[in-house]
C-alpha atoms as a PDB file:
ATOM      1  CA  MET A   1     -38.685 -15.080  29.138  1.00  0.00           C
ATOM      2  CA  ARG A   2     -38.901 -15.038  25.934  1.00  0.00           C
ATOM      3  CA  LEU A   3     -37.534 -11.910  25.530  1.00  0.00           C
ATOM      4  CA  TYR A   4     -34.383 -11.743  26.915  1.00  0.00           C
ATOM      5  CA  GLY A   5     -34.706 -14.382  23.579  1.00  0.00           C
ATOM      6  CA  GLY A   6     -36.026 -12.581  21.349  1.00  0.00           C
ATOM      7  CA  LEU A   7     -32.922  -9.779  22.389  1.00  0.00           C
ATOM      8  CA  ALA A   8     -29.954 -12.332  21.920  1.00  0.00           C
ATOM      9  CA  LEU A   9     -31.333 -13.625  18.804  1.00  0.00           C
ATOM     10  CA  VAL A  10     -31.265  -9.684  17.756  1.00  0.00           C
ATOM     11  CA  LEU A  11     -28.256  -9.305  19.444  1.00  0.00           C
ATOM     12  CA  VAL A  12     -27.065 -12.476  17.618  1.00  0.00           C
ATOM     13  CA  LEU A  13     -28.320 -11.468  13.369  1.00  0.00           C
ATOM     14  CA  PHE A  14     -26.990  -7.351  14.161  1.00  0.00           C
ATOM     15  CA  ALA A  15     -23.514  -9.298  14.333  1.00  0.00           C
ATOM     16  CA  ALA A  16     -23.104 -11.627  11.776  1.00  0.00           C
ATOM     17  CA  VAL A  17     -24.349  -8.309   9.816  1.00  0.00           C
ATOM     18  CA  ASP A  18     -21.254  -6.328  11.575  1.00  0.00           C
ATOM     19  CA  CYS A  19     -18.981  -9.022  10.178  1.00  0.00           C
ATOM     20  CA  VAL A  20     -19.731  -9.292   7.046  1.00  0.00           C
ATOM     21  CA  GLN A  21     -20.173  -5.511   6.385  1.00  0.00           C
ATOM     22  CA  ALA A  22     -16.631  -5.708   7.826  1.00  0.00           C
ATOM     23  CA  GLN A  23     -15.321  -8.024   5.032  1.00  0.00           C
ATOM     24  CA  ASP A  24     -14.834  -5.864   1.224  1.00  0.00           C
ATOM     25  CA  VAL A  25     -15.662  -3.146   2.431  1.00  0.00           C
ATOM     26  CA  CYS A  26     -12.715  -1.416  -0.385  1.00  0.00           C
ATOM     27  CA  PRO A  27     -13.229  -2.490  -4.411  1.00  0.00           C
ATOM     28  CA  PRO A  28     -10.570  -4.876  -5.306  1.00  0.00           C
ATOM     29  CA  ASP A  29      -6.305  -3.317  -4.947  1.00  0.00           C
ATOM     30  CA  VAL A  30      -5.359  -1.240  -8.167  1.00  0.00           C
ATOM     31  CA  VAL A  31      -1.180  -1.237  -8.483  1.00  0.00           C
ATOM     32  CA  TRP A  32      -0.102   0.962 -11.411  1.00  0.00           C
ATOM     33  CA  SER A  33       3.542   3.098 -11.594  1.00  0.00           C
ATOM     34  CA  GLU A  34       4.279   5.110 -14.140  1.00  0.00           C
ATOM     35  CA  VAL A  35       7.412   6.541 -14.369  1.00  0.00           C
ATOM     36  CA  GLY A  36       8.668  10.007 -13.641  1.00  0.00           C
ATOM     37  CA  CYS A  37      11.406  12.124 -14.835  1.00  0.00           C
ATOM     38  CA  ARG A  38      13.996  10.995 -11.803  1.00  0.00           C
ATOM     39  CA  SER A  39      11.275   8.515  -9.910  1.00  0.00           C
ATOM     40  CA  VAL A  40       9.620   6.032 -10.802  1.00  0.00           C
ATOM     41  CA  PHE A  41       5.736   6.395  -9.136  1.00  0.00           C
ATOM     42  CA  VAL A  42       4.257   2.371  -7.947  1.00  0.00           C
ATOM     43  CA  HIS A  43       0.591   3.243  -6.161  1.00  0.00           C
ATOM     44  CA  HIS A  44      -1.289   1.376  -4.700  1.00  0.00           C
ATOM     45  CA  ASP A  45      -4.483   2.493  -5.245  1.00  0.00           C
ATOM     46  CA  LEU A  46      -7.826   0.660  -3.332  1.00  0.00           C
ATOM     47  CA  ALA A  47      -5.628  -1.103  -0.744  1.00  0.00           C
ATOM     48  CA  GLU A  48      -8.323  -2.671   2.732  1.00  0.00           C
ATOM     49  CA  PHE A  49      -6.627  -1.171   6.255  1.00  0.00           C
ATOM     50  CA  ASN A  50      -7.761  -0.759   9.813  1.00  0.00           C
ATOM     51  CA  CYS A  51      -8.966   3.140   9.658  1.00  0.00           C
ATOM     52  CA  CYS A  52      -6.561   4.851  11.515  1.00  0.00           C
ATOM     53  CA  PRO A  53      -3.959   2.401  11.143  1.00  0.00           C
ATOM     54  CA  THR A  54      -0.528   2.648  11.990  1.00  0.00           C
ATOM     55  CA  MET A  55       1.835   1.758   8.755  1.00  0.00           C
ATOM     56  CA  ASP A  56       5.102   0.601   7.685  1.00  0.00           C
ATOM     57  CA  TYR A  57       6.549  -0.133   4.788  1.00  0.00           C
ATOM     58  CA  GLN A  58       8.848  -2.033   3.571  1.00  0.00           C
ATOM     59  CA  ILE A  59      11.624  -2.749  -0.021  1.00  0.00           C
ATOM     60  CA  SER A  60      12.971  -6.035  -0.813  1.00  0.00           C
ATOM     61  CA  GLN A  61      15.454  -6.245  -4.752  1.00  0.00           C
ATOM     62  CA  GLY A  62      15.925  -8.954  -6.030  1.00  0.00           C
ATOM     63  CA  GLY A  63      17.730  -8.619  -9.506  1.00  0.00           C
ATOM     64  CA  PHE A  64      14.149  -7.063 -11.426  1.00  0.00           C
ATOM     65  CA  THR A  65      11.414  -7.503  -8.834  1.00  0.00           C
ATOM     66  CA  ILE A  66      10.440  -4.809  -6.947  1.00  0.00           C
ATOM     67  CA  ASP A  67       8.839  -5.943  -3.691  1.00  0.00           C
ATOM     68  CA  ILE A  68       7.046  -3.286  -1.343  1.00  0.00           C
ATOM     69  CA  PHE A  69       5.560  -4.524   1.749  1.00  0.00           C
ATOM     70  CA  GLU A  70       3.018  -1.972   2.816  1.00  0.00           C
ATOM     71  CA  ILE A  71       2.367  -3.036   7.210  1.00  0.00           C
ATOM     72  CA  GLU A  72       0.089  -2.133   9.442  1.00  0.00           C
ATOM     73  CA  VAL A  73       1.775  -2.108  12.754  1.00  0.00           C
ATOM     74  CA  GLU A  74      -1.580  -1.251  14.968  1.00  0.00           C
ATOM     75  CA  PRO A  75      -4.299  -1.167  14.147  1.00  0.00           C
ATOM     76  CA  GLY A  76      -5.744   2.635  15.546  1.00  0.00           C
ATOM     77  CA  CYS A  77      -9.781   2.151  15.542  1.00  0.00           C
ATOM     78  CA  TYR A  78     -12.383   0.108  15.056  1.00  0.00           C
ATOM     79  CA  CYS A  79     -13.041   0.352  10.882  1.00  0.00           C
ATOM     80  CA  VAL A  80     -11.807  -0.450   8.101  1.00  0.00           C
ATOM     81  CA  CYS A  81     -11.718   1.553   5.472  1.00  0.00           C
ATOM     82  CA  CYS A  82     -10.473   2.177   1.676  1.00  0.00           C
ATOM     83  CA  PHE A  83      -7.050   4.221   0.619  1.00  0.00           C
ATOM     84  CA  ASP A  84      -4.423   4.947  -1.800  1.00  0.00           C
ATOM     85  CA  LEU A  85      -0.790   4.425  -1.013  1.00  0.00           C
ATOM     86  CA  THR A  86       1.620   5.787  -3.338  1.00  0.00           C
ATOM     87  CA  HIS A  87       5.064   4.483  -3.136  1.00  0.00           C
ATOM     88  CA  GLU A  88       8.291   7.172  -4.957  1.00  0.00           C
ATOM     89  CA  LEU A  89      12.148   5.152  -5.532  1.00  0.00           C
ATOM     90  CA  THR A  90      14.431   6.868  -7.151  1.00  0.00           C
ATOM     91  CA  GLY A  91      18.138   5.745  -7.481  1.00  0.00           C
ATOM     92  CA  LEU A  92      17.491   2.457  -9.921  1.00  0.00           C
ATOM     93  CA  ALA A  93      19.409   1.438 -12.459  1.00  0.00           C
ATOM     94  CA  PRO A  94      17.963   1.090 -16.266  1.00  0.00           C
ATOM     95  CA  GLY A  95      16.232  -1.521 -17.335  1.00  0.00           C
ATOM     96  CA  ILE A  96      12.665  -3.438 -16.758  1.00  0.00           C
ATOM     97  CA  TYR A  97      11.043  -3.888 -13.386  1.00  0.00           C
ATOM     98  CA  THR A  98       7.739  -4.921 -12.008  1.00  0.00           C
ATOM     99  CA  ALA A  99       6.862  -4.289  -9.081  1.00  0.00           C
ATOM    100  CA  ARG A 100       4.529  -5.723  -6.281  1.00  0.00           C
ATOM    101  CA  VAL A 101       2.818  -4.972  -3.294  1.00  0.00           C
ATOM    102  CA  TRP A 102       1.816  -7.312  -0.803  1.00  0.00           C
ATOM    103  CA  GLY A 103      -0.405  -7.045   3.097  1.00  0.00           C
ATOM    104  CA  ALA A 104      -3.178  -4.912   2.394  1.00  0.00           C
ATOM    105  CA  TYR A 105      -6.130  -7.735   3.901  1.00  0.00           C
ATOM    106  CA  GLY A 106      -7.419  -9.654   1.655  1.00  0.00           C
ATOM    107  CA  CYS A 107      -3.501  -9.867   0.050  1.00  0.00           C
ATOM    108  CA  GLU A 108      -0.860 -11.319   2.636  1.00  0.00           C
ATOM    109  CA  ASP A 109      -0.418 -14.158   1.306  1.00  0.00           C
ATOM    110  CA  THR A 110      -1.202 -13.111  -2.205  1.00  0.00           C
ATOM    111  CA  PRO A 111       0.449  -9.913  -4.177  1.00  0.00           C
ATOM    112  CA  CYS A 112      -2.457  -7.461  -3.856  1.00  0.00           C
ATOM    113  CA  GLY A 113      -1.302  -7.202  -6.876  1.00  0.00           C
ATOM    114  CA  SER A 114       1.780  -5.519  -9.636  1.00  0.00           C
ATOM    115  CA  THR A 115       2.692  -3.514 -12.415  1.00  0.00           C
ATOM    116  CA  VAL A 116       6.058  -3.353 -15.093  1.00  0.00           C
ATOM    117  CA  PHE A 117       7.216  -0.773 -15.585  1.00  0.00           C
ATOM    118  CA  THR A 118      10.899   0.333 -17.502  1.00  0.00           C
ATOM    119  CA  VAL A 119      13.441   2.611 -16.127  1.00  0.00           C
ATOM    120  CA  PRO A 120      14.935   4.570 -18.728  1.00  0.00           C
ATOM    121  CA  GLU A 121      19.096   5.691 -20.175  1.00  0.00           C
ATOM    122  CA  PRO A 122      19.684   8.369 -18.191  1.00  0.00           C
ATOM    123  CA  PRO A 123      20.631  11.661 -20.805  1.00  0.00           C
ATOM    124  CA  ALA A 124      24.320  11.809 -20.891  1.00  0.00           C
ATOM    125  CA  ALA A 125      24.699  14.600 -18.778  1.00  0.00           C
ATOM    126  CA  ALA A 126      23.324  13.534 -15.226  1.00  0.00           C
ATOM    127  CA  GLN A 127      25.194   9.554 -15.827  1.00  0.00           C
ATOM    128  CA  SER A 128      27.974  10.366 -13.729  1.00  0.00           C
ATOM    129  CA  ALA A 129      25.691  10.851 -10.805  1.00  0.00           C
ATOM    130  CA  LYS A 130      24.825   7.949  -9.398  1.00  0.00           C
ATOM    131  CA  THR A 131      22.922   8.225  -6.979  1.00  0.00           C
ATOM    132  CA  THR A 132      21.403   4.529  -4.023  1.00  0.00           C
ATOM    133  CA  PRO A 133      17.262   3.310  -4.526  1.00  0.00           C
ATOM    134  CA  PHE A 134      15.524   4.776  -2.491  1.00  0.00           C
ATOM    135  CA  MET A 135      11.609   5.470  -2.063  1.00  0.00           C
ATOM    136  CA  VAL A 136       9.050   7.076   0.638  1.00  0.00           C
ATOM    137  CA  SER A 137       5.829   6.235   0.640  1.00  0.00           C
ATOM    138  CA  SER A 138       2.588   7.582   1.307  1.00  0.00           C
ATOM    139  CA  MET A 139      -0.964   6.802   2.733  1.00  0.00           C
ATOM    140  CA  SER A 140      -3.961   8.857   1.807  1.00  0.00           C
ATOM    141  CA  ASP A 141      -6.792   9.818   3.545  1.00  0.00           C
ATOM    142  CA  CYS A 142      -9.460   7.741   4.806  1.00  0.00           C
ATOM    143  CA  GLY A 143     -11.178   7.004   1.248  1.00  0.00           C
ATOM    144  CA  GLY A 144      -8.889   8.474  -0.775  1.00  0.00           C
ATOM    145  CA  TRP A 145     -10.515  12.205  -0.265  1.00  0.00           C
ATOM    146  CA  PRO A 146      -9.407  14.689   2.888  1.00  0.00           C
ATOM    147  CA  LEU A 147     -10.810  13.945   6.007  1.00  0.00           C
ATOM    148  CA  PHE A 148      -9.131  15.548   8.859  1.00  0.00           C
ATOM    149  CA  ALA A 149      -5.719  17.553   8.513  1.00  0.00           C
ATOM    150  CA  ASP A 150      -2.440  15.141   9.180  1.00  0.00           C
ATOM    151  CA  ASP A 151      -4.715  12.436  11.011  1.00  0.00           C
ATOM    152  CA  PHE A 152      -4.429   9.723   8.886  1.00  0.00           C
ATOM    153  CA  GLU A 153      -1.722  10.710   6.459  1.00  0.00           C
ATOM    154  CA  SER A 154       1.644   8.807   6.935  1.00  0.00           C
ATOM    155  CA  GLY A 155       4.578   8.860   5.732  1.00  0.00           C
ATOM    156  CA  SER A 156       7.895   6.459   6.245  1.00  0.00           C
ATOM    157  CA  THR A 157      11.136   6.144   3.760  1.00  0.00           C
ATOM    158  CA  SER A 158      13.255   3.298   2.756  1.00  0.00           C
ATOM    159  CA  ALA A 159      17.272   2.533   1.713  1.00  0.00           C
ATOM    160  CA  TRP A 160      17.156  -0.489   0.298  1.00  0.00           C
ATOM    161  CA  ASP A 161      21.066  -2.102  -1.605  1.00  0.00           C
ATOM    162  CA  GLU A 162      21.858  -1.706  -5.518  1.00  0.00           C
ATOM    163  CA  PRO A 163      20.414  -4.521  -7.650  1.00  0.00           C
ATOM    164  CA  GLU A 164      22.700  -7.056  -9.168  1.00  0.00           C
ATOM    165  CA  HIS A 165      23.554  -7.284 -12.498  1.00  0.00           C
END
């Protein structure tokens, strides 16, 4: 009988340690941006998600505030991993924007972070070309480095309405 009691105690301790290790696997999230020639890149580094998730990305814009939602549709494994995500935004009108990123573990109800960027006036030759705002998202492999080619990559595109000025 004592053997069973000791075994139960070991299993309970193992389960408690496993739960602790599953929380806060990644350092704090980092959200930053860079403005390219025709695109803005919003980066979300060290985002904590399931190791092999099925992901969806959605965007919402109200004036010069952009909300990017990283949605784990289905967890695929029994583990947690750190990912780097990049959202390429095109077709934004000139102005100063704030982009907020939502959805990784630990920041479902508050933004994981935000970044401010400026979309400059286009050169005179390009001002006549009007494009619809568009987003393309990509996700790194688990840990931010390649593990298995194409096993964890996920990409999604999304279009949204132009901001009202």
